PDB file of all heavy atoms in Angstrom:
ATOM      1  N   ALA A   1     126.649 110.925  73.230  1.00  0.00           N
ATOM      2  CA  ALA A   1     125.752 110.186  74.112  1.00  0.00           C
ATOM      3  C   ALA A   1     124.725 111.118  74.750  1.00  0.00           C
ATOM      4  O   ALA A   1     125.037 112.253  75.113  1.00  0.00           O
ATOM      5  CB  ALA A   1     126.559 109.477  75.200  1.00  0.00           C
ATOM      6  N   LYS A   2     123.499 110.632  74.882  1.00  0.00           N
ATOM      7  CA  LYS A   2     122.419 111.390  75.504  1.00  0.00           C
ATOM      8  C   LYS A   2     122.502 111.257  77.035  1.00  0.00           C
ATOM      9  O   LYS A   2     123.109 110.315  77.545  1.00  0.00           O
ATOM     10  CB  LYS A   2     121.061 110.884  75.018  1.00  0.00           C
ATOM     11  CG  LYS A   2     120.897 110.917  73.502  1.00  0.00           C
ATOM     12  CD  LYS A   2     120.909 112.342  72.975  1.00  0.00           C
ATOM     13  CE  LYS A   2     120.669 112.363  71.464  1.00  0.00           C
ATOM     14  NZ  LYS A   2     120.710 113.747  70.917  1.00  0.00           N
ATOM     15  N   PRO A   3     121.879 112.173  77.784  1.00  0.00           N
ATOM     16  CA  PRO A   3     121.927 112.101  79.244  1.00  0.00           C
ATOM     17  C   PRO A   3     121.424 110.773  79.798  1.00  0.00           C
ATOM     18  O   PRO A   3     122.027 110.208  80.713  1.00  0.00           O
ATOM     19  CB  PRO A   3     121.034 113.273  79.681  1.00  0.00           C
ATOM     20  CG  PRO A   3     121.152 114.259  78.564  1.00  0.00           C
ATOM     21  CD  PRO A   3     121.248 113.431  77.314  1.00  0.00           C
ATOM     22  N   TYR A   4     120.289 110.266  79.269  1.00  0.00           N
ATOM     23  CA  TYR A   4     119.763 109.009  79.784  1.00  0.00           C
ATOM     24  C   TYR A   4     120.695 107.837  79.470  1.00  0.00           C
ATOM     25  O   TYR A   4     120.779 106.862  80.222  1.00  0.00           O
ATOM     26  CB  TYR A   4     118.361 108.741  79.229  1.00  0.00           C
ATOM     27  CG  TYR A   4     118.299 108.396  77.762  1.00  0.00           C
ATOM     28  CD1 TYR A   4     118.404 107.071  77.328  1.00  0.00           C
ATOM     29  CD2 TYR A   4     118.137 109.387  76.793  1.00  0.00           C
ATOM     30  CE1 TYR A   4     118.343 106.753  75.977  1.00  0.00           C
ATOM     31  CE2 TYR A   4     118.074 109.078  75.451  1.00  0.00           C
ATOM     32  CZ  TYR A   4     118.181 107.761  75.043  1.00  0.00           C
ATOM     33  OH  TYR A   4     118.132 107.452  73.698  1.00  0.00           O
ATOM     34  N   GLN A   5     121.419 107.940  78.334  1.00  0.00           N
ATOM     35  CA  GLN A   5     122.394 106.898  78.006  1.00  0.00           C
ATOM     36  C   GLN A   5     123.561 106.907  78.986  1.00  0.00           C
ATOM     37  O   GLN A   5     124.088 105.853  79.349  1.00  0.00           O
ATOM     38  CB  GLN A   5     122.893 107.085  76.571  1.00  0.00           C
ATOM     39  CG  GLN A   5     121.829 106.852  75.511  1.00  0.00           C
ATOM     40  CD  GLN A   5     122.315 107.178  74.099  1.00  0.00           C
ATOM     41  OE1 GLN A   5     123.096 108.127  73.917  1.00  0.00           O
ATOM     42  NE2 GLN A   5     121.841 106.420  73.131  1.00  0.00           N
ATOM     43  N   LEU A   6     123.954 108.093  79.411  1.00  0.00           N
ATOM     44  CA  LEU A   6     125.034 108.187  80.392  1.00  0.00           C
ATOM     45  C   LEU A   6     124.633 107.523  81.712  1.00  0.00           C
ATOM     46  O   LEU A   6     125.454 106.872  82.364  1.00  0.00           O
ATOM     47  CB  LEU A   6     125.386 109.653  80.640  1.00  0.00           C
ATOM     48  CG  LEU A   6     125.980 110.432  79.470  1.00  0.00           C
ATOM     49  CD1 LEU A   6     126.218 111.876  79.869  1.00  0.00           C
ATOM     50  CD2 LEU A   6     127.274 109.787  78.990  1.00  0.00           C
ATOM     51  N   ILE A   7     123.369 107.678  82.088  1.00  0.00           N
ATOM     52  CA  ILE A   7     122.899 107.070  83.335  1.00  0.00           C
ATOM     53  C   ILE A   7     123.012 105.558  83.276  1.00  0.00           C
ATOM     54  O   ILE A   7     123.539 104.913  84.194  1.00  0.00           O
ATOM     55  CB  ILE A   7     121.450 107.503  83.624  1.00  0.00           C
ATOM     56  CG1 ILE A   7     121.402 108.989  83.970  1.00  0.00           C
ATOM     57  CG2 ILE A   7     120.862 106.676  84.768  1.00  0.00           C
ATOM     58  CD1 ILE A   7     120.013 109.515  84.220  1.00  0.00           C
ATOM     59  N   PHE A   8     122.516 104.969  82.172  1.00  0.00           N
ATOM     60  CA  PHE A   8     122.488 103.510  82.082  1.00  0.00           C
ATOM     61  C   PHE A   8     123.848 102.904  81.743  1.00  0.00           C
ATOM     62  O   PHE A   8     124.149 101.786  82.167  1.00  0.00           O
ATOM     63  CB  PHE A   8     121.450 103.076  81.036  1.00  0.00           C
ATOM     64  CG  PHE A   8     120.032 103.289  81.467  1.00  0.00           C
ATOM     65  CD1 PHE A   8     119.282 104.343  80.957  1.00  0.00           C
ATOM     66  CD2 PHE A   8     119.443 102.457  82.397  1.00  0.00           C
ATOM     67  CE1 PHE A   8     117.973 104.552  81.368  1.00  0.00           C
ATOM     68  CE2 PHE A   8     118.137 102.654  82.808  1.00  0.00           C
ATOM     69  CZ  PHE A   8     117.398 103.705  82.294  1.00  0.00           C
ATOM     70  N   LEU A   9     124.662 103.626  81.007  1.00  0.00           N
ATOM     71  CA  LEU A   9     125.947 103.077  80.576  1.00  0.00           C
ATOM     72  C   LEU A   9     127.084 103.368  81.547  1.00  0.00           C
ATOM     73  O   LEU A   9     128.054 102.592  81.599  1.00  0.00           O
ATOM     74  CB  LEU A   9     126.311 103.617  79.188  1.00  0.00           C
ATOM     75  CG  LEU A   9     125.390 103.217  78.033  1.00  0.00           C
ATOM     76  CD1 LEU A   9     125.841 103.883  76.745  1.00  0.00           C
ATOM     77  CD2 LEU A   9     125.385 101.697  77.863  1.00  0.00           C
ATOM     78  N   HIS A  10     126.983 104.446  82.298  1.00  0.00           N
ATOM     79  CA  HIS A  10     128.103 104.852  83.147  1.00  0.00           C
ATOM     80  C   HIS A  10     127.725 104.960  84.623  1.00  0.00           C
ATOM     81  O   HIS A  10     128.371 104.335  85.471  1.00  0.00           O
ATOM     82  CB  HIS A  10     128.684 106.186  82.656  1.00  0.00           C
ATOM     83  CG  HIS A  10     129.354 106.094  81.323  1.00  0.00           C
ATOM     84  ND1 HIS A  10     130.618 105.594  81.151  1.00  0.00           N
ATOM     85  CD2 HIS A  10     128.910 106.439  80.079  1.00  0.00           C
ATOM     86  CE1 HIS A  10     130.947 105.636  79.872  1.00  0.00           C
ATOM     87  NE2 HIS A  10     129.919 106.139  79.195  1.00  0.00           N
ATOM     88  N   TYR A  11     126.703 105.764  84.913  1.00  0.00           N
ATOM     89  CA  TYR A  11     126.427 106.055  86.313  1.00  0.00           C
ATOM     90  C   TYR A  11     125.916 104.836  87.089  1.00  0.00           C
ATOM     91  O   TYR A  11     126.436 104.525  88.170  1.00  0.00           O
ATOM     92  CB  TYR A  11     125.423 107.201  86.411  1.00  0.00           C
ATOM     93  CG  TYR A  11     126.021 108.536  86.037  1.00  0.00           C
ATOM     94  CD1 TYR A  11     125.713 109.151  84.825  1.00  0.00           C
ATOM     95  CD2 TYR A  11     126.905 109.180  86.892  1.00  0.00           C
ATOM     96  CE1 TYR A  11     126.266 110.377  84.470  1.00  0.00           C
ATOM     97  CE2 TYR A  11     127.467 110.406  86.545  1.00  0.00           C
ATOM     98  CZ  TYR A  11     127.141 110.997  85.337  1.00  0.00           C
ATOM     99  OH  TYR A  11     127.703 112.212  84.990  1.00  0.00           O
ATOM    100  N   LEU A  12     124.904 104.162  86.567  1.00  0.00           N
ATOM    101  CA  LEU A  12     124.343 103.030  87.296  1.00  0.00           C
ATOM    102  C   LEU A  12     125.362 101.900  87.500  1.00  0.00           C
ATOM    103  O   LEU A  12     125.471 101.377  88.611  1.00  0.00           O
ATOM    104  CB  LEU A  12     123.087 102.513  86.589  1.00  0.00           C
ATOM    105  CG  LEU A  12     121.841 103.391  86.742  1.00  0.00           C
ATOM    106  CD1 LEU A  12     120.677 102.796  85.955  1.00  0.00           C
ATOM    107  CD2 LEU A  12     121.462 103.534  88.213  1.00  0.00           C
ATOM    108  N   PRO A  13     126.123 101.492  86.463  1.00  0.00           N
ATOM    109  CA  PRO A  13     127.138 100.450  86.711  1.00  0.00           C
ATOM    110  C   PRO A  13     128.187 100.886  87.739  1.00  0.00           C
ATOM    111  O   PRO A  13     128.610 100.090  88.582  1.00  0.00           O
ATOM    112  CB  PRO A  13     127.765 100.235  85.330  1.00  0.00           C
ATOM    113  CG  PRO A  13     126.709 100.641  84.361  1.00  0.00           C
ATOM    114  CD  PRO A  13     126.010 101.798  85.023  1.00  0.00           C
ATOM    115  N   ALA A  14     128.607 102.149  87.676  1.00  0.00           N
ATOM    116  CA  ALA A  14     129.628 102.622  88.608  1.00  0.00           C
ATOM    117  C   ALA A  14     129.090 102.765  90.030  1.00  0.00           C
ATOM    118  O   ALA A  14     129.855 102.692  90.994  1.00  0.00           O
ATOM    119  CB  ALA A  14     130.188 103.961  88.132  1.00  0.00           C
ATOM    120  N   LEU A  15     127.779 102.957  90.159  1.00  0.00           N
ATOM    121  CA  LEU A  15     127.172 103.137  91.478  1.00  0.00           C
ATOM    122  C   LEU A  15     126.681 101.832  92.089  1.00  0.00           C
ATOM    123  O   LEU A  15     126.150 101.848  93.206  1.00  0.00           O
ATOM    124  CB  LEU A  15     125.994 104.112  91.380  1.00  0.00           C
ATOM    125  CG  LEU A  15     126.337 105.575  91.124  1.00  0.00           C
ATOM    126  CD1 LEU A  15     125.073 106.365  90.826  1.00  0.00           C
ATOM    127  CD2 LEU A  15     127.056 106.172  92.328  1.00  0.00           C
ATOM    128  N   ARG A  16     126.846 100.727  91.407  1.00  0.00           N
ATOM    129  CA  ARG A  16     126.307  99.450  91.894  1.00  0.00           C
ATOM    130  C   ARG A  16     126.841  99.102  93.281  1.00  0.00           C
ATOM    131  O   ARG A  16     126.079  98.767  94.194  1.00  0.00           O
ATOM    132  CB  ARG A  16     126.640  98.324  90.908  1.00  0.00           C
ATOM    133  CG  ARG A  16     126.061  96.965  91.297  1.00  0.00           C
ATOM    134  CD  ARG A  16     126.459  95.919  90.279  1.00  0.00           C
ATOM    135  NE  ARG A  16     127.921  95.839  90.144  1.00  0.00           N
ATOM    136  CZ  ARG A  16     128.542  95.066  89.255  1.00  0.00           C
ATOM    137  NH1 ARG A  16     127.824  94.353  88.390  1.00  0.00           N
ATOM    138  NH2 ARG A  16     129.861  95.037  89.206  1.00  0.00           N
ATOM    139  N   ASP A  17     128.152  99.180  93.457  1.00  0.00           N
ATOM    140  CA  ASP A  17     128.733  98.869  94.766  1.00  0.00           C
ATOM    141  C   ASP A  17     128.301  99.878  95.823  1.00  0.00           C
ATOM    142  O   ASP A  17     128.105  99.521  96.991  1.00  0.00           O
ATOM    143  CB  ASP A  17     130.261  98.839  94.675  1.00  0.00           C
ATOM    144  CG  ASP A  17     130.769  97.667  93.848  1.00  0.00           C
ATOM    145  OD1 ASP A  17     130.014  96.690  93.698  1.00  0.00           O
ATOM    146  OD2 ASP A  17     131.910  97.731  93.360  1.00  0.00           O
ATOM    147  N   MET A  18     128.154 101.136  95.405  1.00  0.00           N
ATOM    148  CA  MET A  18     127.704 102.157  96.353  1.00  0.00           C
ATOM    149  C   MET A  18     126.278 101.893  96.811  1.00  0.00           C
ATOM    150  O   MET A  18     125.944 102.071  97.992  1.00  0.00           O
ATOM    151  CB  MET A  18     127.802 103.543  95.708  1.00  0.00           C
ATOM    152  CG  MET A  18     127.362 104.693  96.611  1.00  0.00           C
ATOM    153  SD  MET A  18     128.352 104.824  98.110  1.00  0.00           S
ATOM    154  CE  MET A  18     129.922 105.354  97.399  1.00  0.00           C
ATOM    155  N   PHE A  19     125.413 101.444  95.895  1.00  0.00           N
ATOM    156  CA  PHE A  19     124.046 101.090  96.277  1.00  0.00           C
ATOM    157  C   PHE A  19     124.054  99.970  97.319  1.00  0.00           C
ATOM    158  O   PHE A  19     123.314 100.017  98.304  1.00  0.00           O
ATOM    159  CB  PHE A  19     123.241 100.645  95.054  1.00  0.00           C
ATOM    160  CG  PHE A  19     122.875 101.764  94.122  1.00  0.00           C
ATOM    161  CD1 PHE A  19     122.856 101.563  92.749  1.00  0.00           C
ATOM    162  CD2 PHE A  19     122.540 103.012  94.610  1.00  0.00           C
ATOM    163  CE1 PHE A  19     122.516 102.591  91.889  1.00  0.00           C
ATOM    164  CE2 PHE A  19     122.195 104.049  93.756  1.00  0.00           C
ATOM    165  CZ  PHE A  19     122.181 103.831  92.391  1.00  0.00           C
ATOM    166  N   GLY A  20     124.886  98.954  97.075  1.00  0.00           N
ATOM    167  CA  GLY A  20     124.974  97.852  98.030  1.00  0.00           C
ATOM    168  C   GLY A  20     125.467  98.308  99.387  1.00  0.00           C
ATOM    169  O   GLY A  20     124.935  97.900 100.432  1.00  0.00           O
ATOM    170  N   PHE A  21     126.479  99.173  99.391  1.00  0.00           N
ATOM    171  CA  PHE A  21     127.006  99.680 100.658  1.00  0.00           C
ATOM    172  C   PHE A  21     125.958 100.483 101.404  1.00  0.00           C
ATOM    173  O   PHE A  21     125.760 100.312 102.615  1.00  0.00           O
ATOM    174  CB  PHE A  21     128.240 100.542 100.393  1.00  0.00           C
ATOM    175  CG  PHE A  21     128.709 101.304 101.597  1.00  0.00           C
ATOM    176  CD1 PHE A  21     129.413 100.665 102.603  1.00  0.00           C
ATOM    177  CD2 PHE A  21     128.426 102.658 101.734  1.00  0.00           C
ATOM    178  CE1 PHE A  21     129.829 101.357 103.732  1.00  0.00           C
ATOM    179  CE2 PHE A  21     128.837 103.358 102.850  1.00  0.00           C
ATOM    180  CZ  PHE A  21     129.555 102.705 103.851  1.00  0.00           C
ATOM    181  N   LEU A  22     125.264 101.385 100.702  1.00  0.00           N
ATOM    182  CA  LEU A  22     124.242 102.208 101.353  1.00  0.00           C
ATOM    183  C   LEU A  22     123.099 101.353 101.888  1.00  0.00           C
ATOM    184  O   LEU A  22     122.550 101.642 102.961  1.00  0.00           O
ATOM    185  CB  LEU A  22     123.700 103.249 100.376  1.00  0.00           C
ATOM    186  CG  LEU A  22     124.641 104.393 100.001  1.00  0.00           C
ATOM    187  CD1 LEU A  22     124.014 105.263  98.911  1.00  0.00           C
ATOM    188  CD2 LEU A  22     124.987 105.228 101.228  1.00  0.00           C
ATOM    189  N   PHE A  23     122.738 100.311 101.152  1.00  0.00           N
ATOM    190  CA  PHE A  23     121.639  99.454 101.589  1.00  0.00           C
ATOM    191  C   PHE A  23     121.991  98.740 102.892  1.00  0.00           C
ATOM    192  O   PHE A  23     121.267  98.841 103.887  1.00  0.00           O
ATOM    193  CB  PHE A  23     121.314  98.436 100.495  1.00  0.00           C
ATOM    194  CG  PHE A  23     120.246  97.447 100.882  1.00  0.00           C
ATOM    195  CD1 PHE A  23     118.923  97.835 100.943  1.00  0.00           C
ATOM    196  CD2 PHE A  23     120.575  96.134 101.175  1.00  0.00           C
ATOM    197  CE1 PHE A  23     117.934  96.935 101.309  1.00  0.00           C
ATOM    198  CE2 PHE A  23     119.598  95.224 101.537  1.00  0.00           C
ATOM    199  CZ  PHE A  23     118.273  95.620 101.603  1.00  0.00           C
ATOM    200  N   PHE A  24     123.119  98.035 102.900  1.00  0.00           N
ATOM    201  CA  PHE A  24     123.462  97.242 104.080  1.00  0.00           C
ATOM    202  C   PHE A  24     123.901  98.111 105.254  1.00  0.00           C
ATOM    203  O   PHE A  24     123.604  97.795 106.412  1.00  0.00           O
ATOM    204  CB  PHE A  24     124.549  96.231 103.728  1.00  0.00           C
ATOM    205  CG  PHE A  24     124.064  95.091 102.891  1.00  0.00           C
ATOM    206  CD1 PHE A  24     124.478  94.949 101.574  1.00  0.00           C
ATOM    207  CD2 PHE A  24     123.169  94.175 103.395  1.00  0.00           C
ATOM    208  CE1 PHE A  24     124.025  93.910 100.789  1.00  0.00           C
ATOM    209  CE2 PHE A  24     122.702  93.125 102.616  1.00  0.00           C
ATOM    210  CZ  PHE A  24     123.126  92.990 101.312  1.00  0.00           C
ATOM    211  N   SER A  25     124.598  99.213 104.975  1.00  0.00           N
ATOM    212  CA  SER A  25     125.045 100.066 106.075  1.00  0.00           C
ATOM    213  C   SER A  25     123.886 100.788 106.741  1.00  0.00           C
ATOM    214  O   SER A  25     123.971 101.152 107.925  1.00  0.00           O
ATOM    215  CB  SER A  25     126.067 101.100 105.563  1.00  0.00           C
ATOM    216  OG  SER A  25     125.472 101.977 104.627  1.00  0.00           O
ATOM    217  N   GLY A  26     122.792 100.991 105.995  1.00  0.00           N
ATOM    218  CA  GLY A  26     121.651 101.700 106.564  1.00  0.00           C
ATOM    219  C   GLY A  26     120.643 100.814 107.269  1.00  0.00           C
ATOM    220  O   GLY A  26     119.846 101.306 108.079  1.00  0.00           O
ATOM    221  N   LEU A  27     120.662  99.513 107.001  1.00  0.00           N
ATOM    222  CA  LEU A  27     119.658  98.625 107.585  1.00  0.00           C
ATOM    223  C   LEU A  27     119.686  98.593 109.117  1.00  0.00           C
ATOM    224  O   LEU A  27     118.627  98.666 109.748  1.00  0.00           O
ATOM    225  CB  LEU A  27     119.820  97.207 107.026  1.00  0.00           C
ATOM    226  CG  LEU A  27     119.278  96.970 105.617  1.00  0.00           C
ATOM    227  CD1 LEU A  27     119.551  95.537 105.183  1.00  0.00           C
ATOM    228  CD2 LEU A  27     117.785  97.263 105.551  1.00  0.00           C
ATOM    229  N   PRO A  28     120.860  98.471 109.766  1.00  0.00           N
ATOM    230  CA  PRO A  28     120.847  98.465 111.238  1.00  0.00           C
ATOM    231  C   PRO A  28     120.220  99.717 111.841  1.00  0.00           C
ATOM    232  O   PRO A  28     119.474  99.644 112.815  1.00  0.00           O
ATOM    233  CB  PRO A  28     122.339  98.355 111.603  1.00  0.00           C
ATOM    234  CG  PRO A  28     122.967  97.679 110.427  1.00  0.00           C
ATOM    235  CD  PRO A  28     122.217  98.213 109.239  1.00  0.00           C
ATOM    236  N   GLY A  29     120.510 100.873 111.253  1.00  0.00           N
ATOM    237  CA  GLY A  29     119.915 102.108 111.750  1.00  0.00           C
ATOM    238  C   GLY A  29     118.411 102.130 111.581  1.00  0.00           C
ATOM    239  O   GLY A  29     117.676 102.623 112.455  1.00  0.00           O
ATOM    240  N   VAL A  30     117.923 101.590 110.463  1.00  0.00           N
ATOM    241  CA  VAL A  30     116.471 101.545 110.235  1.00  0.00           C
ATOM    242  C   VAL A  30     115.812 100.585 111.223  1.00  0.00           C
ATOM    243  O   VAL A  30     114.700 100.822 111.697  1.00  0.00           O
ATOM    244  CB  VAL A  30     116.160 101.141 108.781  1.00  0.00           C
ATOM    245  CG1 VAL A  30     114.655 101.087 108.551  1.00  0.00           C
ATOM    246  CG2 VAL A  30     116.793 102.118 107.813  1.00  0.00           C
ATOM    247  N   VAL A  31     116.494  99.485 111.544  1.00  0.00           N
ATOM    248  CA  VAL A  31     115.967  98.550 112.547  1.00  0.00           C
ATOM    249  C   VAL A  31     115.801  99.250 113.888  1.00  0.00           C
ATOM    250  O   VAL A  31     114.756  99.127 114.553  1.00  0.00           O
ATOM    251  CB  VAL A  31     116.895  97.329 112.688  1.00  0.00           C
ATOM    252  CG1 VAL A  31     116.492  96.482 113.905  1.00  0.00           C
ATOM    253  CG2 VAL A  31     116.855  96.468 111.435  1.00  0.00           C
ATOM    254  N   MET A  32     116.822  99.996 114.306  1.00  0.00           N
ATOM    255  CA  MET A  32     116.745 100.697 115.584  1.00  0.00           C
ATOM    256  C   MET A  32     115.665 101.780 115.558  1.00  0.00           C
ATOM    257  O   MET A  32     114.948 101.972 116.544  1.00  0.00           O
ATOM    258  CB  MET A  32     118.101 101.310 115.915  1.00  0.00           C
ATOM    259  CG  MET A  32     119.206 100.296 116.156  1.00  0.00           C
ATOM    260  SD  MET A  32     118.822  99.132 117.485  1.00  0.00           S
ATOM    261  CE  MET A  32     118.691 100.233 118.892  1.00  0.00           C
ATOM    262  N   THR A  33     115.556 102.492 114.435  1.00  0.00           N
ATOM    263  CA  THR A  33     114.511 103.514 114.311  1.00  0.00           C
ATOM    264  C   THR A  33     113.122 102.892 114.399  1.00  0.00           C
ATOM    265  O   THR A  33     112.234 103.411 115.086  1.00  0.00           O
ATOM    266  CB  THR A  33     114.649 104.266 112.977  1.00  0.00           C
ATOM    267  OG1 THR A  33     115.934 104.891 112.919  1.00  0.00           O
ATOM    268  CG2 THR A  33     113.574 105.323 112.828  1.00  0.00           C
ATOM    269  N   THR A  34     112.942 101.776 113.725  1.00  0.00           N
ATOM    270  CA  THR A  34     111.658 101.079 113.754  1.00  0.00           C
ATOM    271  C   THR A  34     111.322 100.592 115.158  1.00  0.00           C
ATOM    272  O   THR A  34     110.183 100.719 115.621  1.00  0.00           O
ATOM    273  CB  THR A  34     111.681  99.887 112.786  1.00  0.00           C
ATOM    274  OG1 THR A  34     111.990 100.344 111.470  1.00  0.00           O
ATOM    275  CG2 THR A  34     110.337  99.184 112.764  1.00  0.00           C
ATOM    276  N   ALA A  35     112.327 100.044 115.846  1.00  0.00           N
ATOM    277  CA  ALA A  35     112.112  99.575 117.214  1.00  0.00           C
ATOM    278  C   ALA A  35     111.741 100.734 118.134  1.00  0.00           C
ATOM    279  O   ALA A  35     110.873 100.607 119.008  1.00  0.00           O
ATOM    280  CB  ALA A  35     113.357  98.867 117.728  1.00  0.00           C
ATOM    281  N   LEU A  36     112.374 101.885 117.950  1.00  0.00           N
ATOM    282  CA  LEU A  36     112.069 103.056 118.761  1.00  0.00           C
ATOM    283  C   LEU A  36     110.663 103.569 118.476  1.00  0.00           C
ATOM    284  O   LEU A  36     109.916 103.927 119.404  1.00  0.00           O
ATOM    285  CB  LEU A  36     113.094 104.153 118.496  1.00  0.00           C
ATOM    286  CG  LEU A  36     112.966 105.438 119.332  1.00  0.00           C
ATOM    287  CD1 LEU A  36     113.002 105.098 120.819  1.00  0.00           C
ATOM    288  CD2 LEU A  36     114.067 106.413 118.987  1.00  0.00           C
ATOM    289  N   PHE A  37     110.278 103.608 117.204  1.00  0.00           N
ATOM    290  CA  PHE A  37     108.905 103.991 116.857  1.00  0.00           C
ATOM    291  C   PHE A  37     107.903 103.073 117.561  1.00  0.00           C
ATOM    292  O   PHE A  37     106.918 103.530 118.134  1.00  0.00           O
ATOM    293  CB  PHE A  37     108.698 103.903 115.346  1.00  0.00           C
ATOM    294  CG  PHE A  37     109.313 105.039 114.581  1.00  0.00           C
ATOM    295  CD1 PHE A  37     109.459 104.959 113.201  1.00  0.00           C
ATOM    296  CD2 PHE A  37     109.745 106.181 115.217  1.00  0.00           C
ATOM    297  CE1 PHE A  37     110.024 105.994 112.488  1.00  0.00           C
ATOM    298  CE2 PHE A  37     110.313 107.219 114.510  1.00  0.00           C
ATOM    299  CZ  PHE A  37     110.454 107.126 113.137  1.00  0.00           C
ATOM    300  N   SER A  38     108.171 101.779 117.476  1.00  0.00           N
ATOM    301  CA  SER A  38     107.273 100.802 118.081  1.00  0.00           C
ATOM    302  C   SER A  38     107.206 100.985 119.594  1.00  0.00           C
ATOM    303  O   SER A  38     106.144 100.882 120.199  1.00  0.00           O
ATOM    304  CB  SER A  38     107.749  99.386 117.744  1.00  0.00           C
ATOM    305  OG  SER A  38     106.914  98.412 118.325  1.00  0.00           O
ATOM    306  N   TYR A  39     108.352 101.277 120.210  1.00  0.00           N
ATOM    307  CA  TYR A  39     108.395 101.509 121.666  1.00  0.00           C
ATOM    308  C   TYR A  39     107.536 102.712 122.054  1.00  0.00           C
ATOM    309  O   TYR A  39     106.896 102.716 123.111  1.00  0.00           O
ATOM    310  CB  TYR A  39     109.840 101.725 122.102  1.00  0.00           C
ATOM    311  CG  TYR A  39     110.019 101.877 123.594  1.00  0.00           C
ATOM    312  CD1 TYR A  39     110.195 100.759 124.413  1.00  0.00           C
ATOM    313  CD2 TYR A  39     110.011 103.135 124.191  1.00  0.00           C
ATOM    314  CE1 TYR A  39     110.349 100.893 125.786  1.00  0.00           C
ATOM    315  CE2 TYR A  39     110.159 103.282 125.562  1.00  0.00           C
ATOM    316  CZ  TYR A  39     110.339 102.155 126.352  1.00  0.00           C
ATOM    317  OH  TYR A  39     110.490 102.294 127.713  1.00  0.00           O
ATOM    318  N   LEU A  40     107.525 103.720 121.194  1.00  0.00           N
ATOM    319  CA  LEU A  40     106.746 104.930 121.463  1.00  0.00           C
ATOM    320  C   LEU A  40     105.267 104.767 121.135  1.00  0.00           C
ATOM    321  O   LEU A  40     104.484 105.703 121.307  1.00  0.00           O
ATOM    322  CB  LEU A  40     107.319 106.104 120.661  1.00  0.00           C
ATOM    323  CG  LEU A  40     108.741 106.532 121.041  1.00  0.00           C
ATOM    324  CD1 LEU A  40     109.245 107.601 120.083  1.00  0.00           C
ATOM    325  CD2 LEU A  40     108.796 107.033 122.479  1.00  0.00           C
ATOM    326  N   GLY A  41     104.878 103.593 120.633  1.00  0.00           N
ATOM    327  CA  GLY A  41     103.475 103.326 120.364  1.00  0.00           C
ATOM    328  C   GLY A  41     103.045 103.521 118.928  1.00  0.00           C
ATOM    329  O   GLY A  41     101.856 103.433 118.622  1.00  0.00           O
ATOM    330  N   ILE A  42     103.995 103.771 118.032  1.00  0.00           N
ATOM    331  CA  ILE A  42     103.677 103.934 116.614  1.00  0.00           C
ATOM    332  C   ILE A  42     103.574 102.555 115.972  1.00  0.00           C
ATOM    333  O   ILE A  42     104.421 101.693 116.180  1.00  0.00           O
ATOM    334  CB  ILE A  42     104.763 104.766 115.915  1.00  0.00           C
ATOM    335  CG1 ILE A  42     104.819 106.172 116.525  1.00  0.00           C
ATOM    336  CG2 ILE A  42     104.498 104.857 114.413  1.00  0.00           C
ATOM    337  CD1 ILE A  42     105.983 106.995 116.067  1.00  0.00           C
TER     338      ILE A  42
END
């Protein structure tokens, strides 16, 4: 198997749940960061 094949056949499917976890777990922090930026006038 070639390196790019490993990414599509193994890494991306195995990382699917991790992507979902990182996305949802990071959203609240980004909301607070955005609110703080806005408070500071950005």
